[in-house]
Each structure stands twice: as structure tokens, then as C-alpha cells.
């Protein structure tokens, strides 16, 4: 699991790359990213040659965004390298948070 941030010099945006390793997906057939930045509408990550899944999203800086990964449309998991975690408000579980 990994999150990489690249801050743009020309705009107040950051390119954020979300990646799950092949081990982390544990054989899942689909891997998606859902968060505040996409209305919690799970969007598929692209499978890489090494079996990992990855996507890059441009997000405004100066904010925090909650997110989680969705495996096979049913299993929600957190990013182990998140900046912090907050209560989801839906269950006793927490959401991952990225701070930009």
C-alpha cells in the first residue's frame, strides 16, 4: 500500500497516486477507490503488470480527504500509509485520510 503526493508548482493542486500491492488485494478481482473527492463513488484502479493496482487523482491542496479502497465491490479496507484516520460515522470502522 502506498500514497504518493506530487505538488504542482503552476496550480494549487497535487497529483496523488494511490497504489495497492498484489499482496494487499489478496486475490480480489476488482479494486476501486472511494472517497470524499469522488462522492464515495467507487472508481476502479488499473491493474499493473506486477499484479498491483494504481490510479492518480488531482486534488486541491489545503484540504483533507477521507477515502477507502473497495475490493470486489464488498470489502472496504484502509490505506496503511494514510496521514491519519477518522471515524467513518457509518460503523465502528475508520476512514483513511490524506492531508494536502
N, C-alpha and C. Protein backbone atom coordinates (compact mmCIF):
# COMPACT_ATOMS: atom_id res chain seq x y z
N UNK A 1 0.84 -1.18 0.00
CA UNK A 1 0.00 0.00 0.00
C UNK A 1 0.89 1.24 0.00
N UNK A 2 0.43 2.23 -0.72
CA UNK A 2 1.22 3.45 -0.77
C UNK A 2 0.38 4.59 -1.32
N UNK A 3 0.72 5.79 -0.85
CA UNK A 3 0.14 7.01 -1.39
C UNK A 3 1.30 7.96 -1.66
N UNK A 4 1.38 8.45 -2.89
CA UNK A 4 2.44 9.39 -3.25
C UNK A 4 1.81 10.71 -3.65
N UNK A 5 2.38 11.80 -3.15
CA UNK A 5 1.87 13.15 -3.45
C UNK A 5 2.90 13.91 -4.26
N UNK A 6 2.44 14.53 -5.35
CA UNK A 6 3.30 15.40 -6.16
C UNK A 6 2.59 16.74 -6.26
N UNK A 7 3.16 17.76 -5.65
CA UNK A 7 2.55 19.09 -5.66
C UNK A 7 2.95 19.85 -6.91
N UNK A 8 1.96 20.42 -7.61
CA UNK A 8 2.22 21.16 -8.84
C UNK A 8 2.64 22.60 -8.51
N UNK A 9 3.64 23.09 -9.21
CA UNK A 9 4.12 24.45 -8.97
C UNK A 9 3.23 25.49 -9.64
N UNK A 10 2.60 25.12 -10.75
CA UNK A 10 1.83 26.09 -11.52
C UNK A 10 0.38 26.23 -11.05
N UNK A 11 -0.12 25.28 -10.26
CA UNK A 11 -1.51 25.31 -9.80
C UNK A 11 -1.57 24.84 -8.35
N UNK A 12 -2.62 25.24 -7.62
CA UNK A 12 -2.76 24.76 -6.24
C UNK A 12 -3.38 23.36 -6.20
N UNK A 13 -2.71 22.43 -6.91
CA UNK A 13 -3.18 21.06 -7.00
C UNK A 13 -2.05 20.10 -6.66
N UNK A 14 -2.45 18.90 -6.28
CA UNK A 14 -1.49 17.83 -6.07
C UNK A 14 -1.95 16.61 -6.86
N UNK A 15 -1.00 15.94 -7.49
CA UNK A 15 -1.29 14.66 -8.12
C UNK A 15 -1.04 13.60 -7.06
N UNK A 16 -2.09 12.89 -6.70
CA UNK A 16 -1.99 11.88 -5.65
C UNK A 16 -2.14 10.51 -6.29
N UNK A 17 -1.13 9.67 -6.11
CA UNK A 17 -1.16 8.32 -6.65
C UNK A 17 -1.48 7.34 -5.52
N UNK A 18 -2.55 6.59 -5.71
CA UNK A 18 -2.98 5.57 -4.76
C UNK A 18 -2.60 4.22 -5.35
N UNK A 19 -1.94 3.38 -4.56
CA UNK A 19 -1.49 2.09 -5.07
C UNK A 19 -1.63 1.01 -4.01
N UNK A 20 -2.15 -0.13 -4.44
CA UNK A 20 -2.26 -1.31 -3.58
C UNK A 20 -1.42 -2.41 -4.21
N UNK A 21 -0.59 -3.06 -3.41
CA UNK A 21 0.25 -4.15 -3.91
C UNK A 21 -0.59 -5.39 -4.19
N UNK A 22 -0.03 -6.32 -4.95
CA UNK A 22 -0.73 -7.56 -5.25
C UNK A 22 -1.06 -8.31 -3.95
N UNK A 23 -0.16 -8.27 -2.98
CA UNK A 23 -0.41 -8.93 -1.69
C UNK A 23 -1.59 -8.28 -0.96
N UNK A 24 -1.68 -6.97 -1.01
CA UNK A 24 -2.73 -6.24 -0.28
C UNK A 24 -4.12 -6.52 -0.84
N UNK A 25 -4.22 -6.77 -2.15
CA UNK A 25 -5.54 -7.02 -2.73
C UNK A 25 -6.01 -8.45 -2.47
N UNK A 26 -5.10 -9.31 -2.05
CA UNK A 26 -5.44 -10.65 -1.58
C UNK A 26 -6.33 -11.41 -2.56
N UNK A 27 -5.99 -11.35 -3.86
CA UNK A 27 -6.72 -12.10 -4.86
C UNK A 27 -8.01 -11.48 -5.35
N UNK A 28 -8.29 -10.25 -4.96
CA UNK A 28 -9.52 -9.58 -5.40
C UNK A 28 -9.52 -9.43 -6.92
N UNK A 29 -10.68 -9.55 -7.51
CA UNK A 29 -10.82 -9.40 -8.96
C UNK A 29 -10.97 -7.95 -9.37
N UNK A 30 -11.57 -7.12 -8.51
CA UNK A 30 -11.68 -5.69 -8.78
C UNK A 30 -11.21 -4.90 -7.57
N UNK A 31 -10.57 -3.78 -7.83
CA UNK A 31 -10.08 -2.89 -6.78
C UNK A 31 -10.49 -1.48 -7.16
N UNK A 32 -11.14 -0.78 -6.24
CA UNK A 32 -11.63 0.56 -6.53
C UNK A 32 -11.25 1.51 -5.40
N UNK A 33 -11.35 2.80 -5.68
CA UNK A 33 -11.06 3.86 -4.71
C UNK A 33 -12.32 4.68 -4.54
N UNK A 34 -12.74 4.87 -3.29
CA UNK A 34 -13.91 5.69 -3.00
C UNK A 34 -13.53 6.69 -1.93
N UNK A 35 -13.99 7.93 -2.09
CA UNK A 35 -13.66 8.95 -1.11
C UNK A 35 -14.48 10.20 -1.28
N UNK A 36 -14.18 11.17 -0.41
CA UNK A 36 -14.90 12.45 -0.47
C UNK A 36 -14.68 13.15 -1.81
N UNK A 37 -13.52 12.94 -2.42
CA UNK A 37 -13.18 13.63 -3.66
C UNK A 37 -13.93 13.08 -4.86
N UNK A 38 -14.58 11.91 -4.75
CA UNK A 38 -15.38 11.39 -5.87
C UNK A 38 -16.80 11.02 -5.42
N UNK A 39 -17.26 11.67 -4.35
CA UNK A 39 -18.62 11.44 -3.87
C UNK A 39 -18.85 10.04 -3.36
N UNK A 40 -17.77 9.38 -2.93
CA UNK A 40 -17.82 7.99 -2.44
C UNK A 40 -18.31 7.04 -3.52
N UNK A 41 -18.14 7.43 -4.79
CA UNK A 41 -18.49 6.59 -5.92
C UNK A 41 -17.24 5.80 -6.30
N UNK A 42 -17.21 4.53 -5.95
CA UNK A 42 -16.02 3.70 -6.16
C UNK A 42 -15.60 3.68 -7.63
N UNK A 43 -14.35 4.09 -7.88
CA UNK A 43 -13.80 4.12 -9.23
C UNK A 43 -12.64 3.14 -9.30
N UNK A 44 -12.66 2.30 -10.33
CA UNK A 44 -11.68 1.23 -10.46
C UNK A 44 -10.25 1.75 -10.59
N UNK A 45 -9.33 1.03 -9.94
CA UNK A 45 -7.91 1.26 -10.12
C UNK A 45 -7.45 0.37 -11.27
N UNK A 46 -6.37 0.75 -11.94
CA UNK A 46 -5.86 -0.03 -13.06
C UNK A 46 -4.88 -1.08 -12.57
N UNK A 47 -5.09 -2.29 -13.05
CA UNK A 47 -4.18 -3.38 -12.67
C UNK A 47 -2.86 -3.21 -13.42
N UNK A 48 -1.77 -3.36 -12.69
CA UNK A 48 -0.43 -3.23 -13.25
C UNK A 48 0.12 -4.62 -13.59
N UNK A 49 1.21 -4.67 -14.36
CA UNK A 49 1.80 -5.94 -14.76
C UNK A 49 2.24 -6.79 -13.57
N UNK A 50 2.64 -6.13 -12.48
CA UNK A 50 3.10 -6.87 -11.30
C UNK A 50 1.96 -7.33 -10.39
N UNK A 51 0.71 -7.08 -10.80
CA UNK A 51 -0.44 -7.51 -10.02
C UNK A 51 -0.95 -6.46 -9.05
N UNK A 52 -0.24 -5.34 -8.94
CA UNK A 52 -0.70 -4.25 -8.07
C UNK A 52 -1.77 -3.45 -8.81
N UNK A 53 -2.43 -2.55 -8.09
CA UNK A 53 -3.47 -1.69 -8.68
C UNK A 53 -3.11 -0.25 -8.36
N UNK A 54 -3.35 0.64 -9.34
CA UNK A 54 -2.92 2.03 -9.16
C UNK A 54 -3.84 3.00 -9.89
N UNK A 55 -3.96 4.22 -9.33
CA UNK A 55 -4.62 5.33 -10.01
C UNK A 55 -4.04 6.63 -9.50
N UNK A 56 -4.14 7.68 -10.31
CA UNK A 56 -3.68 9.01 -9.91
C UNK A 56 -4.84 9.98 -10.03
N UNK A 57 -5.00 10.81 -8.99
CA UNK A 57 -6.10 11.78 -8.93
C UNK A 57 -5.51 13.15 -8.64
N UNK A 58 -6.00 14.20 -9.31
CA UNK A 58 -5.58 15.57 -8.99
C UNK A 58 -6.55 16.13 -7.97
N UNK A 59 -6.00 16.63 -6.85
CA UNK A 59 -6.82 17.17 -5.77
C UNK A 59 -6.32 18.54 -5.35
N UNK A 60 -7.21 19.44 -4.96
CA UNK A 60 -6.81 20.76 -4.47
C UNK A 60 -6.01 20.64 -3.17
N UNK A 61 -4.98 21.46 -3.05
CA UNK A 61 -4.19 21.47 -1.81
C UNK A 61 -4.90 22.30 -0.75
N UNK A 62 -4.48 22.12 0.50
CA UNK A 62 -5.06 22.87 1.60
C UNK A 62 -6.28 22.20 2.20
N UNK A 63 -6.49 20.93 1.86
CA UNK A 63 -7.66 20.22 2.38
C UNK A 63 -7.27 18.81 2.83
N UNK A 64 -8.21 18.16 3.50
CA UNK A 64 -8.07 16.77 3.89
C UNK A 64 -9.20 15.99 3.23
N UNK A 65 -8.91 14.76 2.82
CA UNK A 65 -9.90 13.94 2.14
C UNK A 65 -9.94 12.55 2.74
N UNK A 66 -11.15 12.10 3.10
CA UNK A 66 -11.34 10.74 3.58
C UNK A 66 -11.50 9.82 2.38
N UNK A 67 -10.99 8.59 2.52
CA UNK A 67 -11.11 7.62 1.43
C UNK A 67 -10.90 6.21 1.96
N UNK A 68 -11.30 5.23 1.14
CA UNK A 68 -11.04 3.81 1.41
C UNK A 68 -10.96 3.09 0.07
N UNK A 69 -10.37 1.91 0.11
CA UNK A 69 -10.34 1.03 -1.06
C UNK A 69 -11.48 0.03 -0.94
N UNK A 70 -12.01 -0.39 -2.10
CA UNK A 70 -13.10 -1.35 -2.12
C UNK A 70 -12.66 -2.54 -2.97
N UNK A 71 -12.60 -3.72 -2.34
CA UNK A 71 -12.20 -4.94 -3.03
C UNK A 71 -13.44 -5.74 -3.41
N UNK A 72 -13.52 -6.12 -4.67
CA UNK A 72 -14.63 -6.91 -5.20
C UNK A 72 -16.00 -6.31 -4.88
N UNK A 73 -16.06 -5.01 -4.72
CA UNK A 73 -17.33 -4.33 -4.51
C UNK A 73 -17.96 -4.50 -3.14
N UNK A 74 -17.30 -5.26 -2.25
CA UNK A 74 -17.92 -5.54 -0.95
C UNK A 74 -17.01 -5.31 0.25
N UNK A 75 -15.71 -5.49 0.10
CA UNK A 75 -14.78 -5.39 1.22
C UNK A 75 -14.08 -4.04 1.20
N UNK A 76 -14.28 -3.27 2.27
CA UNK A 76 -13.67 -1.94 2.37
C UNK A 76 -12.43 -2.04 3.25
N UNK A 77 -11.30 -1.51 2.75
CA UNK A 77 -10.06 -1.54 3.53
C UNK A 77 -9.43 -0.15 3.55
N UNK A 78 -8.60 0.07 4.55
CA UNK A 78 -7.91 1.35 4.70
C UNK A 78 -6.52 1.30 4.10
N UNK A 79 -5.98 2.47 3.86
CA UNK A 79 -4.60 2.66 3.42
C UNK A 79 -3.72 2.64 4.66
N UNK A 80 -2.77 1.72 4.72
CA UNK A 80 -1.89 1.63 5.89
C UNK A 80 -0.96 2.83 6.01
N UNK A 81 -0.68 3.50 4.89
CA UNK A 81 0.21 4.66 4.90
C UNK A 81 -0.55 5.98 4.88
N UNK A 82 -1.80 5.98 5.35
CA UNK A 82 -2.59 7.22 5.37
C UNK A 82 -1.98 8.23 6.33
N UNK A 83 -2.28 9.51 6.11
CA UNK A 83 -1.78 10.56 7.00
C UNK A 83 -2.42 10.47 8.38
N UNK A 84 -3.69 10.04 8.41
CA UNK A 84 -4.39 9.84 9.68
C UNK A 84 -5.67 9.07 9.41
N UNK A 85 -6.40 8.77 10.47
CA UNK A 85 -7.66 8.03 10.36
C UNK A 85 -8.72 8.75 11.19
N UNK A 86 -9.97 8.70 10.70
CA UNK A 86 -11.08 9.31 11.43
C UNK A 86 -12.26 8.33 11.42
N UNK A 87 -13.13 8.48 12.41
CA UNK A 87 -14.31 7.64 12.47
C UNK A 87 -15.15 7.83 11.22
N UNK A 88 -15.65 6.74 10.67
CA UNK A 88 -16.42 6.82 9.42
C UNK A 88 -17.80 7.41 9.64
N UNK A 89 -18.36 7.27 10.84
CA UNK A 89 -19.69 7.78 11.10
C UNK A 89 -20.78 6.84 10.61
N UNK A 90 -20.38 5.78 9.91
CA UNK A 90 -21.34 4.81 9.40
C UNK A 90 -21.30 3.54 10.24
N UNK A 91 -20.12 3.18 10.68
CA UNK A 91 -19.95 1.99 11.51
C UNK A 91 -18.84 2.28 12.51
N UNK A 92 -18.36 1.25 13.17
CA UNK A 92 -17.28 1.45 14.13
C UNK A 92 -15.92 1.53 13.45
N UNK A 93 -15.90 1.41 12.12
CA UNK A 93 -14.64 1.45 11.38
C UNK A 93 -14.20 2.88 11.13
N UNK A 94 -12.94 3.03 10.74
CA UNK A 94 -12.38 4.34 10.44
C UNK A 94 -12.12 4.47 8.94
N UNK A 95 -12.05 5.71 8.48
CA UNK A 95 -11.65 6.01 7.11
C UNK A 95 -10.21 6.50 7.10
N UNK A 96 -9.51 6.22 6.02
CA UNK A 96 -8.19 6.77 5.80
C UNK A 96 -8.34 8.23 5.42
N UNK A 97 -7.32 9.05 5.75
CA UNK A 97 -7.35 10.47 5.42
C UNK A 97 -6.02 10.84 4.78
N UNK A 98 -6.10 11.60 3.68
CA UNK A 98 -4.91 12.19 3.08
C UNK A 98 -4.97 13.70 3.30
N UNK A 99 -3.85 14.26 3.73
CA UNK A 99 -3.78 15.69 4.02
C UNK A 99 -2.90 16.34 2.96
N UNK A 100 -3.45 17.35 2.28
CA UNK A 100 -2.70 18.05 1.23
C UNK A 100 -2.47 19.50 1.59
